[in-house]
Amino acid sequence: MIRTAKLEDAEQLVEIYAPYVTDTAITFEYEVPTVDEFRNRITNTLKKYPYLVAEDEQGRIIGYAYASPFKGRAAYDWAIETSIYVKQGEAGKGYGRVLHDALEKELQQMGILNMCACISAPRGNDPYLDENSIQFHGHLGYRMVGRFIECGYKFNRWYDMVWMEKHIGEHTENIAPPRFKQ
């Protein structure tokens, strides 16, 4: 089941996110955020964008996805950045795809046109990072639009960052502004 995140979900979301911080270079955060910080992140995201969670049959959260601004200027309002995290051990079961598809549908209804993904990329064989996220986004219809070389530093090594993009609406003149959540 996919639903909108609630503040009460913050503890489970931190549990999902923590191994990505401590054991991988998938995120460039060094410290695991507190539950209160996650509550703030949920609150701030939901002011304007979707923040979704996926639950299993027992009601446990197994993943989450949300949108955030691509850039802060008004001209970028039709573009967002996506983030998707699935509980360790649950990858490859389709939860990420279901979360992404639900997020994409909500964003289309809002009038968003570009979904952008900022993805950390290894510089060869690496114990903390592979190219699964890049491949995952490619399967979802994203295309590579840029690569920044050695711009992230974690675990005493340098990582690249790639940007991938997917257009989910028609780019026309005199387009209506997106309908942000309020």
C-alpha atoms as a PDB file:
ATOM      1  CA  MET A   1       0.000   0.000   0.000  1.00  0.00           C
ATOM      2  CA  ILE A   2       1.216   3.493  -0.859  1.00  0.00           C
ATOM      3  CA  ARG A   3       0.128   6.425   1.300  1.00  0.00           C
ATOM      4  CA  THR A   4       1.244   9.909   2.316  1.00  0.00           C
ATOM      5  CA  ALA A   5       3.875   9.992   5.054  1.00  0.00           C
ATOM      6  CA  LYS A   6       2.833  11.060   8.553  1.00  0.00           C
ATOM      7  CA  LEU A   7       4.953  12.510  11.340  1.00  0.00           C
ATOM      8  CA  GLU A   8       4.487   9.267  13.270  1.00  0.00           C
ATOM      9  CA  ASP A   9       6.392   7.483  10.475  1.00  0.00           C
ATOM     10  CA  ALA A  10       9.625   9.348  11.202  1.00  0.00           C
ATOM     11  CA  GLU A  11      11.135   6.662  13.443  1.00  0.00           C
ATOM     12  CA  GLN A  12      10.635   3.910  10.847  1.00  0.00           C
ATOM     13  CA  LEU A  13      11.949   6.171   8.086  1.00  0.00           C
ATOM     14  CA  VAL A  14      15.125   6.885  10.065  1.00  0.00           C
ATOM     15  CA  GLU A  15      15.587   3.127  10.538  1.00  0.00           C
ATOM     16  CA  ILE A  16      15.347   2.644   6.763  1.00  0.00           C
ATOM     17  CA  TYR A  17      17.658   5.584   6.006  1.00  0.00           C
ATOM     18  CA  ALA A  18      20.337   4.964   8.678  1.00  0.00           C
ATOM     19  CA  PRO A  19      22.188   2.103   6.897  1.00  0.00           C
ATOM     20  CA  TYR A  20      22.391   4.227   3.741  1.00  0.00           C
ATOM     21  CA  VAL A  21      24.217   6.881   5.786  1.00  0.00           C
ATOM     22  CA  THR A  22      26.476   4.600   7.821  1.00  0.00           C
ATOM     23  CA  ASP A  23      27.268   1.837   5.326  1.00  0.00           C
ATOM     24  CA  THR A  24      26.957   3.296   1.807  1.00  0.00           C
ATOM     25  CA  ALA A  25      27.832   6.270  -0.352  1.00  0.00           C
ATOM     26  CA  ILE A  26      24.292   6.348  -1.745  1.00  0.00           C
ATOM     27  CA  THR A  27      23.738   9.431   0.394  1.00  0.00           C
ATOM     28  CA  PHE A  28      26.500  11.909   1.127  1.00  0.00           C
ATOM     29  CA  GLU A  29      25.233  12.595   4.644  1.00  0.00           C
ATOM     30  CA  TYR A  30      27.801  11.655   7.276  1.00  0.00           C
ATOM     31  CA  GLU A  31      25.525  11.537  10.346  1.00  0.00           C
ATOM     32  CA  VAL A  32      22.183   9.774  10.698  1.00  0.00           C
ATOM     33  CA  PRO A  33      19.488  12.418  11.212  1.00  0.00           C
ATOM     34  CA  THR A  34      17.474  12.333  14.420  1.00  0.00           C
ATOM     35  CA  VAL A  35      13.809  11.374  14.459  1.00  0.00           C
ATOM     36  CA  ASP A  36      12.966  15.030  15.138  1.00  0.00           C
ATOM     37  CA  GLU A  37      15.002  16.094  12.090  1.00  0.00           C
ATOM     38  CA  PHE A  38      13.101  13.554   9.979  1.00  0.00           C
ATOM     39  CA  ARG A  39       9.793  14.917  11.283  1.00  0.00           C
ATOM     40  CA  ASN A  40      10.931  18.380  10.173  1.00  0.00           C
ATOM     41  CA  ARG A  41      11.882  17.007   6.755  1.00  0.00           C
ATOM     42  CA  ILE A  42       8.472  15.378   6.337  1.00  0.00           C
ATOM     43  CA  THR A  43       6.673  18.558   7.445  1.00  0.00           C
ATOM     44  CA  ASN A  44       8.688  20.815   5.153  1.00  0.00           C
ATOM     45  CA  THR A  45       8.345  18.517   2.141  1.00  0.00           C
ATOM     46  CA  LEU A  46       4.586  18.108   2.527  1.00  0.00           C
ATOM     47  CA  LYS A  47       4.109  21.878   2.439  1.00  0.00           C
ATOM     48  CA  LYS A  48       4.640  21.721  -1.305  1.00  0.00           C
ATOM     49  CA  TYR A  49       5.434  18.215  -2.567  1.00  0.00           C
ATOM     50  CA  PRO A  50       4.438  14.558  -2.132  1.00  0.00           C
ATOM     51  CA  TYR A  51       6.145  12.403   0.503  1.00  0.00           C
ATOM     52  CA  LEU A  52       5.014   8.781   0.138  1.00  0.00           C
ATOM     53  CA  VAL A  53       5.590   5.575   2.077  1.00  0.00           C
ATOM     54  CA  ALA A  54       5.083   1.955   1.041  1.00  0.00           C
ATOM     55  CA  GLU A  55       3.709  -0.478   3.609  1.00  0.00           C
ATOM     56  CA  ASP A  56       3.761  -4.262   3.532  1.00  0.00           C
ATOM     57  CA  GLU A  57       0.777  -6.465   4.419  1.00  0.00           C
ATOM     58  CA  GLN A  58       1.549  -6.098   8.149  1.00  0.00           C
ATOM     59  CA  GLY A  59       1.580  -2.293   7.962  1.00  0.00           C
ATOM     60  CA  ARG A  60       5.375  -1.974   8.271  1.00  0.00           C
ATOM     61  CA  ILE A  61       6.994   0.729   6.183  1.00  0.00           C
ATOM     62  CA  ILE A  62       9.358  -0.819   3.630  1.00  0.00           C
ATOM     63  CA  GLY A  63      10.277   2.264   1.661  1.00  0.00           C
ATOM     64  CA  TYR A  64       9.624   5.905   1.006  1.00  0.00           C
ATOM     65  CA  ALA A  65       9.892   8.464  -1.778  1.00  0.00           C
ATOM     66  CA  TYR A  66       9.562  12.201  -1.938  1.00  0.00           C
ATOM     67  CA  ALA A  67      10.084  15.201  -4.185  1.00  0.00           C
ATOM     68  CA  SER A  68      12.033  18.339  -3.404  1.00  0.00           C
ATOM     69  CA  PRO A  69      12.801  21.513  -5.345  1.00  0.00           C
ATOM     70  CA  PHE A  70      15.294  21.180  -8.170  1.00  0.00           C
ATOM     71  CA  LYS A  71      16.367  24.797  -7.579  1.00  0.00           C
ATOM     72  CA  GLY A  72      14.877  27.653  -5.594  1.00  0.00           C
ATOM     73  CA  ARG A  73      14.056  30.055  -8.433  1.00  0.00           C
ATOM     74  CA  ALA A  74      10.526  30.326  -9.859  1.00  0.00           C
ATOM     75  CA  ALA A  75      11.653  29.398 -13.392  1.00  0.00           C
ATOM     76  CA  TYR A  76      12.520  25.917 -12.085  1.00  0.00           C
ATOM     77  CA  ASP A  77       9.084  25.243 -10.539  1.00  0.00           C
ATOM     78  CA  TRP A  78       8.241  22.590 -13.175  1.00  0.00           C
ATOM     79  CA  ALA A  79      11.315  20.513 -12.238  1.00  0.00           C
ATOM     80  CA  ILE A  80      11.796  18.539  -9.025  1.00  0.00           C
ATOM     81  CA  GLU A  81      14.412  16.229  -7.535  1.00  0.00           C
ATOM     82  CA  THR A  82      13.338  12.763  -6.447  1.00  0.00           C
ATOM     83  CA  SER A  83      14.563  10.578  -3.589  1.00  0.00           C
ATOM     84  CA  ILE A  84      13.660   6.921  -3.070  1.00  0.00           C
ATOM     85  CA  TYR A  85      14.822   4.620  -0.270  1.00  0.00           C
ATOM     86  CA  VAL A  86      13.848   0.991   0.271  1.00  0.00           C
ATOM     87  CA  LYS A  87      14.521  -0.965   3.455  1.00  0.00           C
ATOM     88  CA  GLN A  88      17.719  -3.023   3.340  1.00  0.00           C
ATOM     89  CA  GLY A  89      16.949  -6.570   2.197  1.00  0.00           C
ATOM     90  CA  GLU A  90      13.828  -5.496   0.300  1.00  0.00           C
ATOM     91  CA  ALA A  91      15.525  -4.176  -2.856  1.00  0.00           C
ATOM     92  CA  GLY A  92      14.694  -5.903  -6.127  1.00  0.00           C
ATOM     93  CA  LYS A  93      11.137  -6.765  -5.070  1.00  0.00           C
ATOM     94  CA  GLY A  94       9.468  -3.926  -6.962  1.00  0.00           C
ATOM     95  CA  TYR A  95       8.849  -1.580  -4.025  1.00  0.00           C
ATOM     96  CA  GLY A  96      11.065   1.152  -5.454  1.00  0.00           C
ATOM     97  CA  ARG A  97       9.226   0.989  -8.772  1.00  0.00           C
ATOM     98  CA  VAL A  98       5.817   1.164  -7.108  1.00  0.00           C
ATOM     99  CA  LEU A  99       6.927   4.152  -5.011  1.00  0.00           C
ATOM    100  CA  HIS A 100       8.390   5.896  -8.030  1.00  0.00           C
ATOM    101  CA  ASP A 101       5.292   5.323 -10.153  1.00  0.00           C
ATOM    102  CA  ALA A 102       3.005   6.667  -7.413  1.00  0.00           C
ATOM    103  CA  LEU A 103       5.259   9.697  -6.972  1.00  0.00           C
ATOM    104  CA  GLU A 104       5.340  10.316 -10.723  1.00  0.00           C
ATOM    105  CA  LYS A 105       1.548  10.144 -10.925  1.00  0.00           C
ATOM    106  CA  GLU A 106       1.117  12.717  -8.136  1.00  0.00           C
ATOM    107  CA  LEU A 107       3.720  14.998  -9.713  1.00  0.00           C
ATOM    108  CA  GLN A 108       1.988  14.807 -13.106  1.00  0.00           C
ATOM    109  CA  GLN A 109      -1.303  15.775 -11.460  1.00  0.00           C
ATOM    110  CA  MET A 110       0.474  18.793  -9.948  1.00  0.00           C
ATOM    111  CA  GLY A 111       1.731  19.894 -13.367  1.00  0.00           C
ATOM    112  CA  ILE A 112       5.385  19.002 -12.799  1.00  0.00           C
ATOM    113  CA  LEU A 113       7.210  18.291 -16.089  1.00  0.00           C
ATOM    114  CA  ASN A 114      10.740  17.162 -15.173  1.00  0.00           C
ATOM    115  CA  MET A 115      11.767  14.562 -12.614  1.00  0.00           C
ATOM    116  CA  CYS A 116      15.483  14.834 -11.815  1.00  0.00           C
ATOM    117  CA  ALA A 117      17.602  12.361  -9.871  1.00  0.00           C
ATOM    118  CA  CYS A 118      20.950  13.259  -8.312  1.00  0.00           C
ATOM    119  CA  ILE A 119      22.789   9.938  -7.936  1.00  0.00           C
ATOM    120  CA  SER A 120      26.162   9.189  -6.409  1.00  0.00           C
ATOM    121  CA  ALA A 121      28.357   7.181  -8.761  1.00  0.00           C
ATOM    122  CA  PRO A 122      31.410   5.027  -8.018  1.00  0.00           C
ATOM    123  CA  ARG A 123      34.766   5.595  -9.663  1.00  0.00           C
ATOM    124  CA  GLY A 124      35.310   1.904 -10.373  1.00  0.00           C
ATOM    125  CA  ASN A 125      34.793  -1.104  -8.118  1.00  0.00           C
ATOM    126  CA  ASP A 126      33.757   0.197  -4.693  1.00  0.00           C
ATOM    127  CA  PRO A 127      32.691  -1.505  -1.433  1.00  0.00           C
ATOM    128  CA  TYR A 128      30.232   1.287  -0.550  1.00  0.00           C
ATOM    129  CA  LEU A 129      28.516   1.956  -3.852  1.00  0.00           C
ATOM    130  CA  ASP A 130      27.489   0.276  -7.098  1.00  0.00           C
ATOM    131  CA  GLU A 131      25.594   1.499 -10.150  1.00  0.00           C
ATOM    132  CA  ASN A 132      22.238  -0.043  -9.209  1.00  0.00           C
ATOM    133  CA  SER A 133      20.556   3.334  -8.718  1.00  0.00           C
ATOM    134  CA  ILE A 134      21.747   4.545 -12.116  1.00  0.00           C
ATOM    135  CA  GLN A 135      20.445   1.344 -13.730  1.00  0.00           C
ATOM    136  CA  PHE A 136      17.168   1.564 -11.784  1.00  0.00           C
ATOM    137  CA  HIS A 137      16.503   5.088 -13.030  1.00  0.00           C
ATOM    138  CA  GLY A 138      17.451   4.088 -16.572  1.00  0.00           C
ATOM    139  CA  HIS A 139      14.809   1.346 -16.469  1.00  0.00           C
ATOM    140  CA  LEU A 140      12.265   3.946 -15.336  1.00  0.00           C
ATOM    141  CA  GLY A 141      12.900   6.057 -18.426  1.00  0.00           C
ATOM    142  CA  TYR A 142      15.436   8.543 -17.095  1.00  0.00           C
ATOM    143  CA  ARG A 143      18.292   9.654 -19.304  1.00  0.00           C
ATOM    144  CA  MET A 144      21.772  10.719 -18.258  1.00  0.00           C
ATOM    145  CA  VAL A 145      22.205  14.498 -18.477  1.00  0.00           C
ATOM    146  CA  GLY A 146      25.429  15.155 -16.598  1.00  0.00           C
ATOM    147  CA  ARG A 147      28.283  13.848 -14.495  1.00  0.00           C
ATOM    148  CA  PHE A 148      30.301  15.782 -11.929  1.00  0.00           C
ATOM    149  CA  ILE A 149      33.700  14.246 -11.276  1.00  0.00           C
ATOM    150  CA  GLU A 150      34.998  13.676  -7.737  1.00  0.00           C
ATOM    151  CA  CYS A 151      32.555  16.069  -6.122  1.00  0.00           C
ATOM    152  CA  GLY A 152      31.513  13.961  -3.105  1.00  0.00           C
ATOM    153  CA  TYR A 153      33.868  12.696  -0.404  1.00  0.00           C
ATOM    154  CA  LYS A 154      32.874   9.898   1.953  1.00  0.00           C
ATOM    155  CA  PHE A 155      34.686   6.922   3.500  1.00  0.00           C
ATOM    156  CA  ASN A 156      38.047   8.530   2.628  1.00  0.00           C
ATOM    157  CA  ARG A 157      37.393   8.338  -1.103  1.00  0.00           C
ATOM    158  CA  TRP A 158      35.972  10.496  -3.870  1.00  0.00           C
ATOM    159  CA  TYR A 159      32.696   9.872  -5.656  1.00  0.00           C
ATOM    160  CA  ASP A 160      31.154  11.264  -8.800  1.00  0.00           C
ATOM    161  CA  MET A 161      27.614  12.538  -8.963  1.00  0.00           C
ATOM    162  CA  VAL A 162      25.357  12.018 -11.954  1.00  0.00           C
ATOM    163  CA  TRP A 163      22.168  13.770 -12.888  1.00  0.00           C
ATOM    164  CA  MET A 164      19.427  11.859 -14.654  1.00  0.00           C
ATOM    165  CA  GLU A 165      16.167  13.328 -15.923  1.00  0.00           C
ATOM    166  CA  LYS A 166      12.745  12.128 -17.025  1.00  0.00           C
ATOM    167  CA  HIS A 167      10.155  14.319 -18.734  1.00  0.00           C
ATOM    168  CA  ILE A 168       6.639  13.520 -17.526  1.00  0.00           C
ATOM    169  CA  GLY A 169       4.668  16.249 -19.262  1.00  0.00           C
ATOM    170  CA  GLU A 170       4.598  18.415 -22.354  1.00  0.00           C
ATOM    171  CA  HIS A 171       6.757  21.546 -22.395  1.00  0.00           C
ATOM    172  CA  THR A 172       4.555  24.231 -23.958  1.00  0.00           C
ATOM    173  CA  GLU A 173       4.487  28.014 -24.007  1.00  0.00           C
ATOM    174  CA  ASN A 174       2.155  29.859 -21.647  1.00  0.00           C
ATOM    175  CA  ILE A 175       2.013  26.851 -19.346  1.00  0.00           C
ATOM    176  CA  ALA A 176       0.086  27.047 -16.079  1.00  0.00           C
ATOM    177  CA  PRO A 177       2.162  27.032 -12.914  1.00  0.00           C
ATOM    178  CA  PRO A 178       2.359  23.766 -10.966  1.00  0.00           C
ATOM    179  CA  ARG A 179      -0.330  23.163  -8.352  1.00  0.00           C
ATOM    180  CA  PHE A 180       1.772  22.796  -5.216  1.00  0.00           C
ATOM    181  CA  LYS A 181       0.351  21.224  -2.091  1.00  0.00           C
ATOM    182  CA  GLN A 182      -0.759  23.757   0.502  1.00  0.00           C
END
